[in-house]
Amino acid sequence: MSITGDIDMDDDGITFENGKELTFSDLIADSLVVDGKRVPGSVYRLAQPLDPELKNGNRLCGAGKVTYLATWSDGDGSMAIAVFTGSRPPRSDDESCATYSYEDQE
């Protein structure tokens, strides 16, 4: 929360607390290897590579523009989001430049 603030995410993209958005161009996979195990999730290609400035001047990666974003359930009411900067679709969370965890507030 200290980096991104609240988020709103759907099949089209993710919107951060400060209004910055990442738009998805397509869903490219329905699973990802997380901590060595394949888990169900969603891997999206971004329509435009970005690393927007977020809460308190933070960035998602800080090491380049985000090209892919993956999300999966990481427990009771929690969702994980990993962001990637590579040109190839990610296969594992190990390839991410950052991973964030969120609890469902609804």
C-alpha atoms as a PDB file:
ATOM      1  CA  MET A   1       0.000   0.000   0.000  1.00  0.00           C
ATOM      2  CA  SER A   2       2.876   2.396   0.643  1.00  0.00           C
ATOM      3  CA  ILE A   3       3.990   2.072  -2.986  1.00  0.00           C
ATOM      4  CA  THR A   4       0.759   1.715  -4.964  1.00  0.00           C
ATOM      5  CA  GLY A   5      -2.008   2.845  -2.649  1.00  0.00           C
ATOM      6  CA  ASP A   6      -5.417   1.266  -3.244  1.00  0.00           C
ATOM      7  CA  ILE A   7      -5.931  -0.417  -6.611  1.00  0.00           C
ATOM      8  CA  ASP A   8      -8.884  -1.256  -8.821  1.00  0.00           C
ATOM      9  CA  MET A   9      -8.331  -4.114 -11.260  1.00  0.00           C
ATOM     10  CA  ASP A  10     -10.453  -5.792 -13.911  1.00  0.00           C
ATOM     11  CA  ASP A  11      -9.891  -7.688 -17.184  1.00  0.00           C
ATOM     12  CA  ASP A  12      -8.995  -4.442 -18.989  1.00  0.00           C
ATOM     13  CA  GLY A  13      -6.327  -3.083 -16.647  1.00  0.00           C
ATOM     14  CA  ILE A  14      -5.361  -1.767 -13.259  1.00  0.00           C
ATOM     15  CA  THR A  15      -5.929   1.702 -11.818  1.00  0.00           C
ATOM     16  CA  PHE A  16      -3.866   2.975  -8.913  1.00  0.00           C
ATOM     17  CA  GLU A  17      -4.959   5.292  -6.098  1.00  0.00           C
ATOM     18  CA  ASN A  18      -3.422   8.351  -7.809  1.00  0.00           C
ATOM     19  CA  GLY A  19      -5.366   7.667 -11.034  1.00  0.00           C
ATOM     20  CA  LYS A  20      -2.462   6.222 -13.053  1.00  0.00           C
ATOM     21  CA  GLU A  21      -3.431   3.214 -15.152  1.00  0.00           C
ATOM     22  CA  LEU A  22      -1.931   0.195 -16.849  1.00  0.00           C
ATOM     23  CA  THR A  23      -4.074  -1.133 -19.707  1.00  0.00           C
ATOM     24  CA  PHE A  24      -3.903  -4.783 -20.745  1.00  0.00           C
ATOM     25  CA  SER A  25      -3.780  -5.705 -24.426  1.00  0.00           C
ATOM     26  CA  ASP A  26      -4.529  -9.389 -23.904  1.00  0.00           C
ATOM     27  CA  LEU A  27      -4.561 -12.319 -21.505  1.00  0.00           C
ATOM     28  CA  ILE A  28      -1.686 -14.577 -22.535  1.00  0.00           C
ATOM     29  CA  ALA A  29      -1.754 -17.317 -19.866  1.00  0.00           C
ATOM     30  CA  ASP A  30      -4.042 -18.689 -17.168  1.00  0.00           C
ATOM     31  CA  SER A  31      -1.309 -19.962 -14.841  1.00  0.00           C
ATOM     32  CA  LEU A  32       2.159 -19.111 -13.579  1.00  0.00           C
ATOM     33  CA  VAL A  33       4.870 -20.869 -11.590  1.00  0.00           C
ATOM     34  CA  VAL A  34       4.953 -19.339  -8.099  1.00  0.00           C
ATOM     35  CA  ASP A  35       7.518 -20.533  -5.561  1.00  0.00           C
ATOM     36  CA  GLY A  36       8.220 -23.551  -7.774  1.00  0.00           C
ATOM     37  CA  LYS A  37       4.564 -24.627  -8.152  1.00  0.00           C
ATOM     38  CA  ARG A  38       2.185 -23.937 -11.051  1.00  0.00           C
ATOM     39  CA  VAL A  39      -0.824 -21.969  -9.788  1.00  0.00           C
ATOM     40  CA  PRO A  40      -3.956 -20.711 -11.548  1.00  0.00           C
ATOM     41  CA  GLY A  41      -3.840 -17.018 -12.319  1.00  0.00           C
ATOM     42  CA  SER A  42      -3.814 -14.464 -15.101  1.00  0.00           C
ATOM     43  CA  VAL A  43      -0.826 -13.212 -17.077  1.00  0.00           C
ATOM     44  CA  TYR A  44      -1.494 -10.048 -19.080  1.00  0.00           C
ATOM     45  CA  ARG A  45       0.512  -8.243 -21.739  1.00  0.00           C
ATOM     46  CA  LEU A  46       0.377  -4.468 -21.315  1.00  0.00           C
ATOM     47  CA  ALA A  47      -0.969  -2.430 -24.214  1.00  0.00           C
ATOM     48  CA  GLN A  48       1.862   0.054 -23.670  1.00  0.00           C
ATOM     49  CA  PRO A  49       4.971  -0.599 -21.547  1.00  0.00           C
ATOM     50  CA  LEU A  50       4.965   1.828 -18.594  1.00  0.00           C
ATOM     51  CA  ASP A  51       6.396   2.304 -15.127  1.00  0.00           C
ATOM     52  CA  PRO A  52       4.115   5.054 -13.809  1.00  0.00           C
ATOM     53  CA  GLU A  53       4.912   7.222 -10.831  1.00  0.00           C
ATOM     54  CA  LEU A  54       2.693   6.091  -7.970  1.00  0.00           C
ATOM     55  CA  LYS A  55       2.169   6.998  -4.325  1.00  0.00           C
ATOM     56  CA  ASN A  56       4.982   9.053  -2.769  1.00  0.00           C
ATOM     57  CA  GLY A  57       6.904   9.093  -6.066  1.00  0.00           C
ATOM     58  CA  ASN A  58       7.391   5.303  -6.057  1.00  0.00           C
ATOM     59  CA  ARG A  59       7.413   3.192  -9.227  1.00  0.00           C
ATOM     60  CA  LEU A  60       6.207  -0.380  -9.773  1.00  0.00           C
ATOM     61  CA  CYS A  61       9.592  -1.691 -10.912  1.00  0.00           C
ATOM     62  CA  GLY A  62      12.033   1.157 -10.730  1.00  0.00           C
ATOM     63  CA  ALA A  63      14.113  -0.846 -13.205  1.00  0.00           C
ATOM     64  CA  GLY A  64      12.363  -0.281 -16.513  1.00  0.00           C
ATOM     65  CA  LYS A  65       8.947  -0.212 -18.062  1.00  0.00           C
ATOM     66  CA  VAL A  66       6.457  -2.910 -17.116  1.00  0.00           C
ATOM     67  CA  THR A  67       5.564  -5.134 -20.096  1.00  0.00           C
ATOM     68  CA  TYR A  68       3.613  -7.936 -18.365  1.00  0.00           C
ATOM     69  CA  LEU A  69       1.547  -8.247 -15.183  1.00  0.00           C
ATOM     70  CA  ALA A  70       0.478 -11.465 -13.470  1.00  0.00           C
ATOM     71  CA  THR A  71      -2.045 -11.966 -10.708  1.00  0.00           C
ATOM     72  CA  TRP A  72      -3.030 -14.969  -8.579  1.00  0.00           C
ATOM     73  CA  SER A  73      -4.652 -15.776  -5.256  1.00  0.00           C
ATOM     74  CA  ASP A  74      -2.077 -16.107  -2.498  1.00  0.00           C
ATOM     75  CA  GLY A  75      -4.363 -17.057   0.373  1.00  0.00           C
ATOM     76  CA  ASP A  76      -7.626 -16.278   2.105  1.00  0.00           C
ATOM     77  CA  GLY A  77      -8.857 -13.087   0.481  1.00  0.00           C
ATOM     78  CA  SER A  78      -5.374 -12.089  -0.684  1.00  0.00           C
ATOM     79  CA  MET A  79      -4.224 -11.416  -4.216  1.00  0.00           C
ATOM     80  CA  ALA A  80      -0.655 -11.211  -5.462  1.00  0.00           C
ATOM     81  CA  ILE A  81       0.451  -9.081  -8.399  1.00  0.00           C
ATOM     82  CA  ALA A  82       3.844  -9.493 -10.053  1.00  0.00           C
ATOM     83  CA  VAL A  83       5.199  -7.081 -12.652  1.00  0.00           C
ATOM     84  CA  PHE A  84       7.725  -7.897 -15.370  1.00  0.00           C
ATOM     85  CA  THR A  85       9.953  -5.890 -17.712  1.00  0.00           C
ATOM     86  CA  GLY A  86      11.078  -8.529 -20.208  1.00  0.00           C
ATOM     87  CA  SER A  87      10.164  -8.819 -23.868  1.00  0.00           C
ATOM     88  CA  ARG A  88       9.102 -12.473 -23.500  1.00  0.00           C
ATOM     89  CA  PRO A  89       6.020 -13.633 -21.596  1.00  0.00           C
ATOM     90  CA  PRO A  90       6.952 -14.623 -18.031  1.00  0.00           C
ATOM     91  CA  ARG A  91       6.719 -18.219 -16.912  1.00  0.00           C
ATOM     92  CA  SER A  92       7.573 -17.760 -13.232  1.00  0.00           C
ATOM     93  CA  ASP A  93       7.287 -15.149 -10.488  1.00  0.00           C
ATOM     94  CA  ASP A  94      11.096 -15.468 -10.200  1.00  0.00           C
ATOM     95  CA  GLU A  95      11.336 -13.326 -13.350  1.00  0.00           C
ATOM     96  CA  SER A  96       9.446 -10.397 -11.805  1.00  0.00           C
ATOM     97  CA  CYS A  97      10.970  -7.062 -10.905  1.00  0.00           C
ATOM     98  CA  ALA A  98       8.488  -6.701  -8.024  1.00  0.00           C
ATOM     99  CA  THR A  99       5.610  -8.539  -6.360  1.00  0.00           C
ATOM    100  CA  TYR A 100       2.801  -6.951  -4.352  1.00  0.00           C
ATOM    101  CA  SER A 101       0.148  -8.479  -2.098  1.00  0.00           C
ATOM    102  CA  TYR A 102      -3.337  -7.063  -1.545  1.00  0.00           C
ATOM    103  CA  GLU A 103      -6.231  -8.035   0.703  1.00  0.00           C
ATOM    104  CA  ASP A 104      -9.750  -7.814  -0.677  1.00  0.00           C
ATOM    105  CA  GLN A 105     -11.515  -4.934   1.088  1.00  0.00           C
ATOM    106  CA  GLU A 106     -15.031  -5.826  -0.093  1.00  0.00           C
END
